[in-house]
Amino acid sequence: MVQFLITIHTIISILLIVVVLMQSGQGGLNSMMSGTANSMLGSSGANDFITKLTTGLGIAFIGLAMLIGALSGESNPSSESILQKDAESRQVDEVIPQEFSLPSAGELIPEEDSSN
């Protein structure tokens, strides 16, 4: 399904490029084609049609991009962020040395010899 949408998205993007180049202005594809689009659709009809076509293709391009993004996203979303997942994957189990305990009073003061 996503591959089909990507194919349609690619075709729409190519059509959008061609239609933008056909718009009248300082030059473009329309002037290279000797005004063929103007002669077919009339002088003002071509500009209105190309403008509406550009708008429609642009809306379709953005809509398909959002749809493809939503469909190709993670199918099992979790509440963890990407940074938390990365930190957990890099986490290393380190052996923490046992904490030192203070010696008891009996260990500090030597016992007196009762043999003297």
PDB file of N, CA and C in Angstrom:
ATOM      1  N   MET A   1       0.817  -1.193   0.000  1.00  0.00           N
ATOM      2  CA  MET A   1       0.000   0.000   0.000  1.00  0.00           C
ATOM      3  C   MET A   1       0.864   1.261   0.000  1.00  0.00           C
ATOM      4  N   VAL A   2       1.880   1.259   0.867  1.00  0.00           N
ATOM      5  CA  VAL A   2       2.742   2.438   0.962  1.00  0.00           C
ATOM      6  C   VAL A   2       3.553   2.603  -0.321  1.00  0.00           C
ATOM      7  N   GLN A   3       3.998   1.480  -0.922  1.00  0.00           N
ATOM      8  CA  GLN A   3       4.766   1.579  -2.166  1.00  0.00           C
ATOM      9  C   GLN A   3       3.906   2.175  -3.291  1.00  0.00           C
ATOM     10  N   PHE A   4       2.625   1.799  -3.332  1.00  0.00           N
ATOM     11  CA  PHE A   4       1.710   2.365  -4.333  1.00  0.00           C
ATOM     12  C   PHE A   4       1.547   3.865  -4.119  1.00  0.00           C
ATOM     13  N   LEU A   5       1.383   4.276  -2.872  1.00  0.00           N
ATOM     14  CA  LEU A   5       1.238   5.708  -2.583  1.00  0.00           C
ATOM     15  C   LEU A   5       2.509   6.479  -2.922  1.00  0.00           C
ATOM     16  N   ILE A   6       3.661   5.862  -2.692  1.00  0.00           N
ATOM     17  CA  ILE A   6       4.926   6.526  -3.032  1.00  0.00           C
ATOM     18  C   ILE A   6       5.042   6.687  -4.545  1.00  0.00           C
ATOM     19  N   THR A   7       4.586   5.690  -5.295  1.00  0.00           N
ATOM     20  CA  THR A   7       4.604   5.792  -6.759  1.00  0.00           C
ATOM     21  C   THR A   7       3.698   6.924  -7.234  1.00  0.00           C
ATOM     22  N   ILE A   8       2.487   6.998  -6.685  1.00  0.00           N
ATOM     23  CA  ILE A   8       1.561   8.078  -7.039  1.00  0.00           C
ATOM     24  C   ILE A   8       2.152   9.429  -6.638  1.00  0.00           C
ATOM     25  N   HIS A   9       2.793   9.486  -5.482  1.00  0.00           N
ATOM     26  CA  HIS A   9       3.419  10.721  -4.990  1.00  0.00           C
ATOM     27  C   HIS A   9       4.527  11.173  -5.937  1.00  0.00           C
ATOM     28  N   THR A  10       5.301  10.229  -6.452  1.00  0.00           N
ATOM     29  CA  THR A  10       6.372  10.559  -7.392  1.00  0.00           C
ATOM     30  C   THR A  10       5.796  11.121  -8.689  1.00  0.00           C
ATOM     31  N   ILE A  11       4.730  10.502  -9.192  1.00  0.00           N
ATOM     32  CA  ILE A  11       4.095  10.984 -10.423  1.00  0.00           C
ATOM     33  C   ILE A  11       3.538  12.392 -10.213  1.00  0.00           C
ATOM     34  N   ILE A  12       2.896  12.621  -9.072  1.00  0.00           N
ATOM     35  CA  ILE A  12       2.347  13.955  -8.785  1.00  0.00           C
ATOM     36  C   ILE A  12       3.465  14.984  -8.673  1.00  0.00           C
ATOM     37  N   SER A  13       4.592  14.603  -8.077  1.00  0.00           N
ATOM     38  CA  SER A  13       5.696  15.565  -7.947  1.00  0.00           C
ATOM     39  C   SER A  13       6.267  15.936  -9.311  1.00  0.00           C
ATOM     40  N   ILE A  14       6.369  14.959 -10.220  1.00  0.00           N
ATOM     41  CA  ILE A  14       6.868  15.264 -11.569  1.00  0.00           C
ATOM     42  C   ILE A  14       5.875  16.163 -12.308  1.00  0.00           C
ATOM     43  N   LEU A  15       4.579  15.856 -12.195  1.00  0.00           N
ATOM     44  CA  LEU A  15       3.561  16.706 -12.823  1.00  0.00           C
ATOM     45  C   LEU A  15       3.581  18.122 -12.250  1.00  0.00           C
ATOM     46  N   LEU A  16       3.798  18.225 -10.942  1.00  0.00           N
ATOM     47  CA  LEU A  16       3.850  19.539 -10.299  1.00  0.00           C
ATOM     48  C   LEU A  16       5.026  20.358 -10.828  1.00  0.00           C
ATOM     49  N   ILE A  17       6.163  19.705 -11.015  1.00  0.00           N
ATOM     50  CA  ILE A  17       7.330  20.411 -11.575  1.00  0.00           C
ATOM     51  C   ILE A  17       7.029  20.919 -12.978  1.00  0.00           C
ATOM     52  N   VAL A  18       6.419  20.066 -13.810  1.00  0.00           N
ATOM     53  CA  VAL A  18       6.108  20.461 -15.184  1.00  0.00           C
ATOM     54  C   VAL A  18       5.096  21.608 -15.212  1.00  0.00           C
ATOM     55  N   VAL A  19       4.068  21.530 -14.371  1.00  0.00           N
ATOM     56  CA  VAL A  19       3.032  22.574 -14.364  1.00  0.00           C
ATOM     57  C   VAL A  19       3.597  23.893 -13.863  1.00  0.00           C
ATOM     58  N   VAL A  20       4.476  23.861 -12.887  1.00  0.00           N
ATOM     59  CA  VAL A  20       5.084  25.098 -12.401  1.00  0.00           C
ATOM     60  C   VAL A  20       5.948  25.716 -13.497  1.00  0.00           C
ATOM     61  N   LEU A  21       6.642  24.874 -14.258  1.00  0.00           N
ATOM     62  CA  LEU A  21       7.452  25.405 -15.352  1.00  0.00           C
ATOM     63  C   LEU A  21       6.590  25.962 -16.491  1.00  0.00           C
ATOM     64  N   MET A  22       5.364  25.478 -16.629  1.00  0.00           N
ATOM     65  CA  MET A  22       4.484  25.958 -17.691  1.00  0.00           C
ATOM     66  C   MET A  22       3.816  27.285 -17.356  1.00  0.00           C
ATOM     67  N   GLN A  23       3.846  27.709 -16.113  1.00  0.00           N
ATOM     68  CA  GLN A  23       3.180  28.956 -15.743  1.00  0.00           C
ATOM     69  C   GLN A  23       3.831  30.128 -16.451  1.00  0.00           C
ATOM     70  N   SER A  24       2.989  31.084 -16.838  1.00  0.00           N
ATOM     71  CA  SER A  24       3.528  32.244 -17.543  1.00  0.00           C
ATOM     72  C   SER A  24       4.262  33.131 -16.540  1.00  0.00           C
ATOM     73  N   GLY A  25       5.285  33.731 -17.020  1.00  0.00           N
ATOM     74  CA  GLY A  25       6.092  34.601 -16.179  1.00  0.00           C
ATOM     75  C   GLY A  25       7.240  35.125 -17.024  1.00  0.00           C
ATOM     76  N   GLN A  26       8.407  35.181 -16.460  1.00  0.00           N
ATOM     77  CA  GLN A  26       9.577  35.672 -17.172  1.00  0.00           C
ATOM     78  C   GLN A  26      10.061  34.709 -18.253  1.00  0.00           C
ATOM     79  N   GLY A  27       9.588  33.527 -18.257  1.00  0.00           N
ATOM     80  CA  GLY A  27      10.017  32.536 -19.241  1.00  0.00           C
ATOM     81  C   GLY A  27       9.312  31.254 -18.917  1.00  0.00           C
ATOM     82  N   GLY A  28      10.045  30.191 -18.894  1.00  0.00           N
ATOM     83  CA  GLY A  28       9.461  28.923 -18.510  1.00  0.00           C
ATOM     84  C   GLY A  28       9.160  28.059 -19.714  1.00  0.00           C
ATOM     85  N   LEU A  29       8.525  26.943 -19.454  1.00  0.00           N
ATOM     86  CA  LEU A  29       8.243  25.963 -20.488  1.00  0.00           C
ATOM     87  C   LEU A  29       7.205  26.480 -21.481  1.00  0.00           C
ATOM     88  N   ASN A  30       6.289  27.290 -21.019  1.00  0.00           N
ATOM     89  CA  ASN A  30       5.261  27.818 -21.906  1.00  0.00           C
ATOM     90  C   ASN A  30       5.869  28.687 -23.009  1.00  0.00           C
ATOM     91  N   SER A  31       6.853  29.483 -22.688  1.00  0.00           N
ATOM     92  CA  SER A  31       7.474  30.320 -23.709  1.00  0.00           C
ATOM     93  C   SER A  31       8.345  29.487 -24.643  1.00  0.00           C
ATOM     94  N   MET A  32       8.871  28.390 -24.171  1.00  0.00           N
ATOM     95  CA  MET A  32       9.665  27.516 -25.025  1.00  0.00           C
ATOM     96  C   MET A  32       8.776  26.763 -26.007  1.00  0.00           C
ATOM     97  N   MET A  33       7.518  26.506 -25.618  1.00  0.00           N
ATOM     98  CA  MET A  33       6.606  25.767 -26.489  1.00  0.00           C
ATOM     99  C   MET A  33       5.852  26.725 -27.421  1.00  0.00           C
ATOM    100  N   SER A  34       6.303  27.926 -27.541  1.00  0.00           N
ATOM    101  CA  SER A  34       5.717  28.953 -28.406  1.00  0.00           C
ATOM    102  C   SER A  34       4.264  29.230 -28.073  1.00  0.00           C
ATOM    103  N   GLY A  35       3.919  29.161 -26.807  1.00  0.00           N
ATOM    104  CA  GLY A  35       2.579  29.508 -26.382  1.00  0.00           C
ATOM    105  C   GLY A  35       1.525  28.495 -26.795  1.00  0.00           C
ATOM    106  N   THR A  36       1.880  27.239 -26.909  1.00  0.00           N
ATOM    107  CA  THR A  36       0.937  26.208 -27.326  1.00  0.00           C
ATOM    108  C   THR A  36      -0.231  26.103 -26.364  1.00  0.00           C
ATOM    109  N   ALA A  37       0.048  26.201 -25.060  1.00  0.00           N
ATOM    110  CA  ALA A  37      -1.022  26.104 -24.071  1.00  0.00           C
ATOM    111  C   ALA A  37      -1.984  27.275 -24.202  1.00  0.00           C
ATOM    112  N   ASN A  38      -1.483  28.443 -24.500  1.00  0.00           N
ATOM    113  CA  ASN A  38      -2.362  29.611 -24.652  1.00  0.00           C
ATOM    114  C   ASN A  38      -3.245  29.483 -25.881  1.00  0.00           C
ATOM    115  N   SER A  39      -2.717  28.935 -26.954  1.00  0.00           N
ATOM    116  CA  SER A  39      -3.521  28.824 -28.165  1.00  0.00           C
ATOM    117  C   SER A  39      -4.595  27.754 -28.021  1.00  0.00           C
ATOM    118  N   MET A  40      -4.341  26.733 -27.207  1.00  0.00           N
ATOM    119  CA  MET A  40      -5.327  25.671 -27.033  1.00  0.00           C
ATOM    120  C   MET A  40      -6.461  26.112 -26.106  1.00  0.00           C
ATOM    121  N   LEU A  41      -6.147  26.819 -25.058  1.00  0.00           N
ATOM    122  CA  LEU A  41      -7.145  27.124 -24.042  1.00  0.00           C
ATOM    123  C   LEU A  41      -7.561  28.593 -24.021  1.00  0.00           C
ATOM    124  N   GLY A  42      -7.069  29.374 -24.917  1.00  0.00           N
ATOM    125  CA  GLY A  42      -7.371  30.806 -24.904  1.00  0.00           C
ATOM    126  C   GLY A  42      -6.318  31.534 -24.104  1.00  0.00           C
ATOM    127  N   SER A  43      -6.297  32.855 -24.193  1.00  0.00           N
ATOM    128  CA  SER A  43      -5.210  33.610 -23.568  1.00  0.00           C
ATOM    129  C   SER A  43      -5.306  33.636 -22.050  1.00  0.00           C
ATOM    130  N   SER A  44      -6.490  33.846 -21.501  1.00  0.00           N
ATOM    131  CA  SER A  44      -6.595  33.901 -20.044  1.00  0.00           C
ATOM    132  C   SER A  44      -7.020  32.560 -19.455  1.00  0.00           C
ATOM    133  N   GLY A  45      -7.640  31.721 -20.265  1.00  0.00           N
ATOM    134  CA  GLY A  45      -8.091  30.421 -19.773  1.00  0.00           C
ATOM    135  C   GLY A  45      -6.942  29.515 -19.384  1.00  0.00           C
ATOM    136  N   ALA A  46      -5.836  29.607 -20.098  1.00  0.00           N
ATOM    137  CA  ALA A  46      -4.685  28.757 -19.800  1.00  0.00           C
ATOM    138  C   ALA A  46      -4.082  29.122 -18.452  1.00  0.00           C
ATOM    139  N   ASN A  47      -3.967  30.408 -18.195  1.00  0.00           N
ATOM    140  CA  ASN A  47      -3.369  30.827 -16.930  1.00  0.00           C
ATOM    141  C   ASN A  47      -4.231  30.422 -15.739  1.00  0.00           C
ATOM    142  N   ASP A  48      -5.546  30.571 -15.871  1.00  0.00           N
ATOM    143  CA  ASP A  48      -6.438  30.160 -14.785  1.00  0.00           C
ATOM    144  C   ASP A  48      -6.391  28.652 -14.571  1.00  0.00           C
ATOM    145  N   PHE A  49      -6.408  27.905 -15.678  1.00  0.00           N
ATOM    146  CA  PHE A  49      -6.363  26.452 -15.583  1.00  0.00           C
ATOM    147  C   PHE A  49      -5.057  25.971 -14.955  1.00  0.00           C
ATOM    148  N   ILE A  50      -3.936  26.540 -15.383  1.00  0.00           N
ATOM    149  CA  ILE A  50      -2.630  26.119 -14.858  1.00  0.00           C
ATOM    150  C   ILE A  50      -2.502  26.497 -13.385  1.00  0.00           C
ATOM    151  N   THR A  51      -3.046  27.638 -13.008  1.00  0.00           N
ATOM    152  CA  THR A  51      -3.011  28.045 -11.601  1.00  0.00           C
ATOM    153  C   THR A  51      -3.821  27.087 -10.735  1.00  0.00           C
ATOM    154  N   LYS A  52      -5.011  26.721 -11.201  1.00  0.00           N
ATOM    155  CA  LYS A  52      -5.842  25.779 -10.447  1.00  0.00           C
ATOM    156  C   LYS A  52      -5.211  24.387 -10.410  1.00  0.00           C
ATOM    157  N   LEU A  53      -4.606  23.990 -11.527  1.00  0.00           N
ATOM    158  CA  LEU A  53      -3.939  22.693 -11.573  1.00  0.00           C
ATOM    159  C   LEU A  53      -2.746  22.660 -10.616  1.00  0.00           C
ATOM    160  N   THR A  54      -1.996  23.748 -10.557  1.00  0.00           N
ATOM    161  CA  THR A  54      -0.862  23.835  -9.629  1.00  0.00           C
ATOM    162  C   THR A  54      -1.336  23.742  -8.190  1.00  0.00           C
ATOM    163  N   THR A  55      -2.413  24.429  -7.873  1.00  0.00           N
ATOM    164  CA  THR A  55      -2.964  24.380  -6.518  1.00  0.00           C
ATOM    165  C   THR A  55      -3.423  22.975  -6.161  1.00  0.00           C
ATOM    166  N   GLY A  56      -4.131  22.331  -7.079  1.00  0.00           N
ATOM    167  CA  GLY A  56      -4.610  20.971  -6.831  1.00  0.00           C
ATOM    168  C   GLY A  56      -3.478  19.977  -6.661  1.00  0.00           C
ATOM    169  N   LEU A  57      -2.472  20.070  -7.532  1.00  0.00           N
ATOM    170  CA  LEU A  57      -1.328  19.160  -7.415  1.00  0.00           C
ATOM    171  C   LEU A  57      -0.539  19.426  -6.135  1.00  0.00           C
ATOM    172  N   GLY A  58      -0.431  20.684  -5.740  1.00  0.00           N
ATOM    173  CA  GLY A  58       0.274  21.005  -4.498  1.00  0.00           C
ATOM    174  C   GLY A  58      -0.442  20.442  -3.283  1.00  0.00           C
ATOM    175  N   ILE A  59      -1.768  20.566  -3.252  1.00  0.00           N
ATOM    176  CA  ILE A  59      -2.548  20.020  -2.144  1.00  0.00           C
ATOM    177  C   ILE A  59      -2.432  18.495  -2.119  1.00  0.00           C
ATOM    178  N   ALA A  60      -2.513  17.873  -3.301  1.00  0.00           N
ATOM    179  CA  ALA A  60      -2.379  16.415  -3.376  1.00  0.00           C
ATOM    180  C   ALA A  60      -0.989  15.972  -2.926  1.00  0.00           C
ATOM    181  N   PHE A  61       0.047  16.727  -3.307  1.00  0.00           N
ATOM    182  CA  PHE A  61       1.426  16.395  -2.925  1.00  0.00           C
ATOM    183  C   PHE A  61       1.594  16.425  -1.408  1.00  0.00           C
ATOM    184  N   ILE A  62       1.115  17.483  -0.766  1.00  0.00           N
ATOM    185  CA  ILE A  62       1.257  17.608   0.686  1.00  0.00           C
ATOM    186  C   ILE A  62       0.397  16.576   1.407  1.00  0.00           C
ATOM    187  N   GLY A  63      -0.832  16.369   0.912  1.00  0.00           N
ATOM    188  CA  GLY A  63      -1.708  15.373   1.532  1.00  0.00           C
ATOM    189  C   GLY A  63      -1.136  13.965   1.456  1.00  0.00           C
ATOM    190  N   LEU A  64      -0.601  13.600   0.283  1.00  0.00           N
ATOM    191  CA  LEU A  64       0.006  12.275   0.148  1.00  0.00           C
ATOM    192  C   LEU A  64       1.252  12.140   1.017  1.00  0.00           C
ATOM    193  N   ALA A  65       2.031  13.197   1.123  1.00  0.00           N
ATOM    194  CA  ALA A  65       3.226  13.141   1.970  1.00  0.00           C
ATOM    195  C   ALA A  65       2.841  12.879   3.422  1.00  0.00           C
ATOM    196  N   MET A  66       1.780  13.538   3.888  1.00  0.00           N
ATOM    197  CA  MET A  66       1.341  13.326   5.268  1.00  0.00           C
ATOM    198  C   MET A  66       0.758  11.928   5.444  1.00  0.00           C
ATOM    199  N   LEU A  67       0.011  11.441   4.453  1.00  0.00           N
ATOM    200  CA  LEU A  67      -0.569  10.103   4.533  1.00  0.00           C
ATOM    201  C   LEU A  67       0.513   9.024   4.525  1.00  0.00           C
ATOM    202  N   ILE A  68       1.501   9.184   3.668  1.00  0.00           N
ATOM    203  CA  ILE A  68       2.604   8.217   3.622  1.00  0.00           C
ATOM    204  C   ILE A  68       3.373   8.228   4.937  1.00  0.00           C
ATOM    205  N   GLY A  69       3.587   9.404   5.490  1.00  0.00           N
ATOM    206  CA  GLY A  69       4.275   9.499   6.781  1.00  0.00           C
ATOM    207  C   GLY A  69       3.507   8.819   7.896  1.00  0.00           C
ATOM    208  N   ALA A  70       2.186   8.974   7.879  1.00  0.00           N
ATOM    209  CA  ALA A  70       1.366   8.363   8.930  1.00  0.00           C
ATOM    210  C   ALA A  70       1.321   6.844   8.775  1.00  0.00           C
ATOM    211  N   LEU A  71       1.238   6.366   7.539  1.00  0.00           N
ATOM    212  CA  LEU A  71       1.154   4.920   7.320  1.00  0.00           C
ATOM    213  C   LEU A  71       2.483   4.206   7.506  1.00  0.00           C
ATOM    214  N   SER A  72       3.570   4.879   7.227  1.00  0.00           N
ATOM    215  CA  SER A  72       4.870   4.220   7.340  1.00  0.00           C
ATOM    216  C   SER A  72       5.495   4.409   8.715  1.00  0.00           C
ATOM    217  N   GLY A  73       4.770   5.037   9.624  1.00  0.00           N
ATOM    218  CA  GLY A  73       5.276   5.228  10.983  1.00  0.00           C
ATOM    219  C   GLY A  73       5.276   3.928  11.754  1.00  0.00           C
ATOM    220  N   GLU A  74       5.670   4.003  12.995  1.00  0.00           N
ATOM    221  CA  GLU A  74       5.753   2.827  13.863  1.00  0.00           C
ATOM    222  C   GLU A  74       4.349   2.298  14.125  1.00  0.00           C
ATOM    223  N   SER A  75       4.159   0.985  13.897  1.00  0.00           N
ATOM    224  CA  SER A  75       2.827   0.412  14.057  1.00  0.00           C
ATOM    225  C   SER A  75       2.487   0.144  15.518  1.00  0.00           C
ATOM    226  N   ASN A  76       3.487   0.071  16.361  1.00  0.00           N
ATOM    227  CA  ASN A  76       3.264  -0.210  17.772  1.00  0.00           C
ATOM    228  C   ASN A  76       3.876   0.927  18.591  1.00  0.00           C
ATOM    229  N   PRO A  77       3.204   2.065  18.668  1.00  0.00           N
ATOM    230  CA  PRO A  77       3.814   3.198  19.367  1.00  0.00           C
ATOM    231  C   PRO A  77       3.932   2.930  20.866  1.00  0.00           C
ATOM    232  N   SER A  78       5.019   3.399  21.415  1.00  0.00           N
ATOM    233  CA  SER A  78       5.224   3.250  22.852  1.00  0.00           C
ATOM    234  C   SER A  78       5.351   4.626  23.478  1.00  0.00           C
ATOM    235  N   SER A  79       5.250   4.649  24.781  1.00  0.00           N
ATOM    236  CA  SER A  79       5.305   5.933  25.470  1.00  0.00           C
ATOM    237  C   SER A  79       6.740   6.397  25.695  1.00  0.00           C
ATOM    238  N   GLU A  80       7.716   5.543  25.389  1.00  0.00           N
ATOM    239  CA  GLU A  80       9.108   5.936  25.574  1.00  0.00           C
ATOM    240  C   GLU A  80       9.563   6.799  24.410  1.00  0.00           C
ATOM    241  N   SER A  81      10.451   7.720  24.701  1.00  0.00           N
ATOM    242  CA  SER A  81      10.985   8.554  23.644  1.00  0.00           C
ATOM    243  C   SER A  81      12.148   7.833  22.970  1.00  0.00           C
ATOM    244  N   ILE A  82      12.538   8.343  21.832  1.00  0.00           N
ATOM    245  CA  ILE A  82      13.647   7.747  21.090  1.00  0.00           C
ATOM    246  C   ILE A  82      14.933   7.866  21.889  1.00  0.00           C
ATOM    247  N   LEU A  83      15.095   8.966  22.607  1.00  0.00           N
ATOM    248  CA  LEU A  83      16.310   9.158  23.393  1.00  0.00           C
ATOM    249  C   LEU A  83      16.394   8.145  24.533  1.00  0.00           C
ATOM    250  N   GLN A  84      15.257   7.825  25.155  1.00  0.00           N
ATOM    251  CA  GLN A  84      15.268   6.827  26.219  1.00  0.00           C
ATOM    252  C   GLN A  84      15.626   5.457  25.667  1.00  0.00           C
ATOM    253  N   LYS A  85      15.084   5.107  24.510  1.00  0.00           N
ATOM    254  CA  LYS A  85      15.400   3.814  23.899  1.00  0.00           C
ATOM    255  C   LYS A  85      16.877   3.728  23.564  1.00  0.00           C
ATOM    256  N   ASP A  86      17.438   4.820  23.041  1.00  0.00           N
ATOM    257  CA  ASP A  86      18.854   4.828  22.700  1.00  0.00           C
ATOM    258  C   ASP A  86      19.721   4.708  23.947  1.00  0.00           C
ATOM    259  N   ALA A  87      19.331   5.403  25.007  1.00  0.00           N
ATOM    260  CA  ALA A  87      20.105   5.334  26.251  1.00  0.00           C
ATOM    261  C   ALA A  87      20.058   3.927  26.840  1.00  0.00           C
ATOM    262  N   GLU A  88      18.896   3.277  26.755  1.00  0.00           N
ATOM    263  CA  GLU A  88      18.793   1.919  27.283  1.00  0.00           C
ATOM    264  C   GLU A  88      19.589   0.929  26.455  1.00  0.00           C
ATOM    265  N   SER A  89      19.673   1.159  25.152  1.00  0.00           N
ATOM    266  CA  SER A  89      20.447   0.235  24.317  1.00  0.00           C
ATOM    267  C   SER A  89      21.941   0.401  24.537  1.00  0.00           C
ATOM    268  N   ARG A  90      22.378   1.571  24.955  1.00  0.00           N
ATOM    269  CA  ARG A  90      23.795   1.811  25.207  1.00  0.00           C
ATOM    270  C   ARG A  90      24.206   1.522  26.654  1.00  0.00           C
ATOM    271  N   GLN A  91      23.223   1.207  27.473  1.00  0.00           N
ATOM    272  CA  GLN A  91      23.492   1.013  28.892  1.00  0.00           C
ATOM    273  C   GLN A  91      24.352  -0.238  29.100  1.00  0.00           C
ATOM    274  N   VAL A  92      25.365  -0.099  29.935  1.00  0.00           N
ATOM    275  CA  VAL A  92      26.286  -1.189  30.225  1.00  0.00           C
ATOM    276  C   VAL A  92      26.154  -1.529  31.698  1.00  0.00           C
ATOM    277  N   ASP A  93      26.095  -2.821  31.982  1.00  0.00           N
ATOM    278  CA  ASP A  93      26.040  -3.242  33.379  1.00  0.00           C
ATOM    279  C   ASP A  93      27.433  -3.139  33.977  1.00  0.00           C
ATOM    280  N   GLU A  94      27.576  -2.254  34.928  1.00  0.00           N
ATOM    281  CA  GLU A  94      28.856  -2.067  35.591  1.00  0.00           C
ATOM    282  C   GLU A  94      28.761  -2.622  37.006  1.00  0.00           C
ATOM    283  N   VAL A  95      29.848  -3.238  37.427  1.00  0.00           N
ATOM    284  CA  VAL A  95      29.887  -3.757  38.786  1.00  0.00           C
ATOM    285  C   VAL A  95      30.243  -2.609  39.710  1.00  0.00           C
ATOM    286  N   ILE A  96      29.354  -2.333  40.628  1.00  0.00           N
ATOM    287  CA  ILE A  96      29.581  -1.253  41.582  1.00  0.00           C
ATOM    288  C   ILE A  96      30.263  -1.857  42.796  1.00  0.00           C
ATOM    289  N   PRO A  97      31.427  -1.334  43.162  1.00  0.00           N
ATOM    290  CA  PRO A  97      32.111  -1.900  44.330  1.00  0.00           C
ATOM    291  C   PRO A  97      31.280  -1.683  45.597  1.00  0.00           C
ATOM    292  N   GLN A  98      31.418  -2.610  46.513  1.00  0.00           N
ATOM    293  CA  GLN A  98      30.673  -2.493  47.762  1.00  0.00           C
ATOM    294  C   GLN A  98      31.164  -1.279  48.532  1.00  0.00           C
ATOM    295  N   GLU A  99      30.254  -0.660  49.201  1.00  0.00           N
ATOM    296  CA  GLU A  99      30.618   0.524  49.964  1.00  0.00           C
ATOM    297  C   GLU A  99      31.427   0.101  51.190  1.00  0.00           C
ATOM    298  N   PHE A 100      32.300   0.997  51.585  1.00  0.00           N
ATOM    299  CA  PHE A 100      33.099   0.726  52.775  1.00  0.00           C
ATOM    300  C   PHE A 100      32.262   0.974  54.013  1.00  0.00           C
ATOM    301  N   SER A 101      32.456   0.141  54.993  1.00  0.00           N
ATOM    302  CA  SER A 101      31.765   0.353  56.267  1.00  0.00           C
ATOM    303  C   SER A 101      32.803   0.721  57.320  1.00  0.00           C
ATOM    304  N   LEU A 102      32.367   1.517  58.267  1.00  0.00           N
ATOM    305  CA  LEU A 102      33.265   1.933  59.329  1.00  0.00           C
ATOM    306  C   LEU A 102      33.539   0.756  60.259  1.00  0.00           C
ATOM    307  N   PRO A 103      34.761   0.648  60.687  1.00  0.00           N
ATOM    308  CA  PRO A 103      35.078  -0.450  61.618  1.00  0.00           C
ATOM    309  C   PRO A 103      34.396  -0.223  62.965  1.00  0.00           C
ATOM    310  N   SER A 104      34.102  -1.297  63.600  1.00  0.00           N
ATOM    311  CA  SER A 104      33.474  -1.182  64.920  1.00  0.00           C
ATOM    312  C   SER A 104      34.527  -0.817  65.955  1.00  0.00           C
ATOM    313  N   ALA A 105      34.074  -0.462  67.140  1.00  0.00           N
ATOM    314  CA  ALA A 105      34.997  -0.030  68.194  1.00  0.00           C
ATOM    315  C   ALA A 105      35.942  -1.159  68.583  1.00  0.00           C
ATOM    316  N   GLY A 106      35.498  -2.381  68.535  1.00  0.00           N
ATOM    317  CA  GLY A 106      36.357  -3.508  68.892  1.00  0.00           C
ATOM    318  C   GLY A 106      37.492  -3.702  67.910  1.00  0.00           C
ATOM    319  N   GLU A 107      37.280  -3.327  66.706  1.00  0.00           N
ATOM    320  CA  GLU A 107      38.337  -3.481  65.708  1.00  0.00           C
ATOM    321  C   GLU A 107      39.352  -2.360  65.805  1.00  0.00           C
ATOM    322  N   LEU A 108      38.954  -1.190  66.313  1.00  0.00           N
ATOM    323  CA  LEU A 108      39.870  -0.069  66.420  1.00  0.00           C
ATOM    324  C   LEU A 108      40.761  -0.151  67.648  1.00  0.00           C
ATOM    325  N   ILE A 109      40.182  -0.565  68.761  1.00  0.00           N
ATOM    326  CA  ILE A 109      40.938  -0.612  70.027  1.00  0.00           C
ATOM    327  C   ILE A 109      41.399  -2.041  70.210  1.00  0.00           C
ATOM    328  N   PRO A 110      42.693  -2.218  70.294  1.00  0.00           N
ATOM    329  CA  PRO A 110      43.187  -3.586  70.509  1.00  0.00           C
ATOM    330  C   PRO A 110      42.794  -4.092  71.893  1.00  0.00           C
ATOM    331  N   GLU A 111      42.547  -5.350  71.930  1.00  0.00           N
ATOM    332  CA  GLU A 111      42.181  -5.959  73.221  1.00  0.00           C
ATOM    333  C   GLU A 111      43.420  -6.053  74.094  1.00  0.00           C
ATOM    334  N   GLU A 112      43.223  -5.833  75.379  1.00  0.00           N
ATOM    335  CA  GLU A 112      44.345  -5.928  76.301  1.00  0.00           C
ATOM    336  C   GLU A 112      44.643  -7.387  76.582  1.00  0.00           C
ATOM    337  N   ASP A 113      45.929  -7.603  76.697  1.00  0.00           N
ATOM    338  CA  ASP A 113      46.328  -8.984  77.044  1.00  0.00           C
ATOM    339  C   ASP A 113      46.112  -9.185  78.530  1.00  0.00           C
ATOM    340  N   SER A 114      45.427 -10.192  78.903  1.00  0.00           N
ATOM    341  CA  SER A 114      45.212 -10.500  80.311  1.00  0.00           C
ATOM    342  C   SER A 114      46.337 -11.356  80.886  1.00  0.00           C
ATOM    343  N   SER A 115      47.261 -11.760  80.051  1.00  0.00           N
ATOM    344  CA  SER A 115      48.367 -12.590  80.532  1.00  0.00           C
ATOM    345  C   SER A 115      49.397 -11.780  81.293  1.00  0.00           C
ATOM    346  N   ASN A 116      49.479 -10.548  81.207  1.00  0.00           N
ATOM    347  CA  ASN A 116      50.474  -9.768  81.947  1.00  0.00           C
ATOM    348  C   ASN A 116      50.147  -9.696  83.351  1.00  0.00           C
TER     349      ASN A 116
END
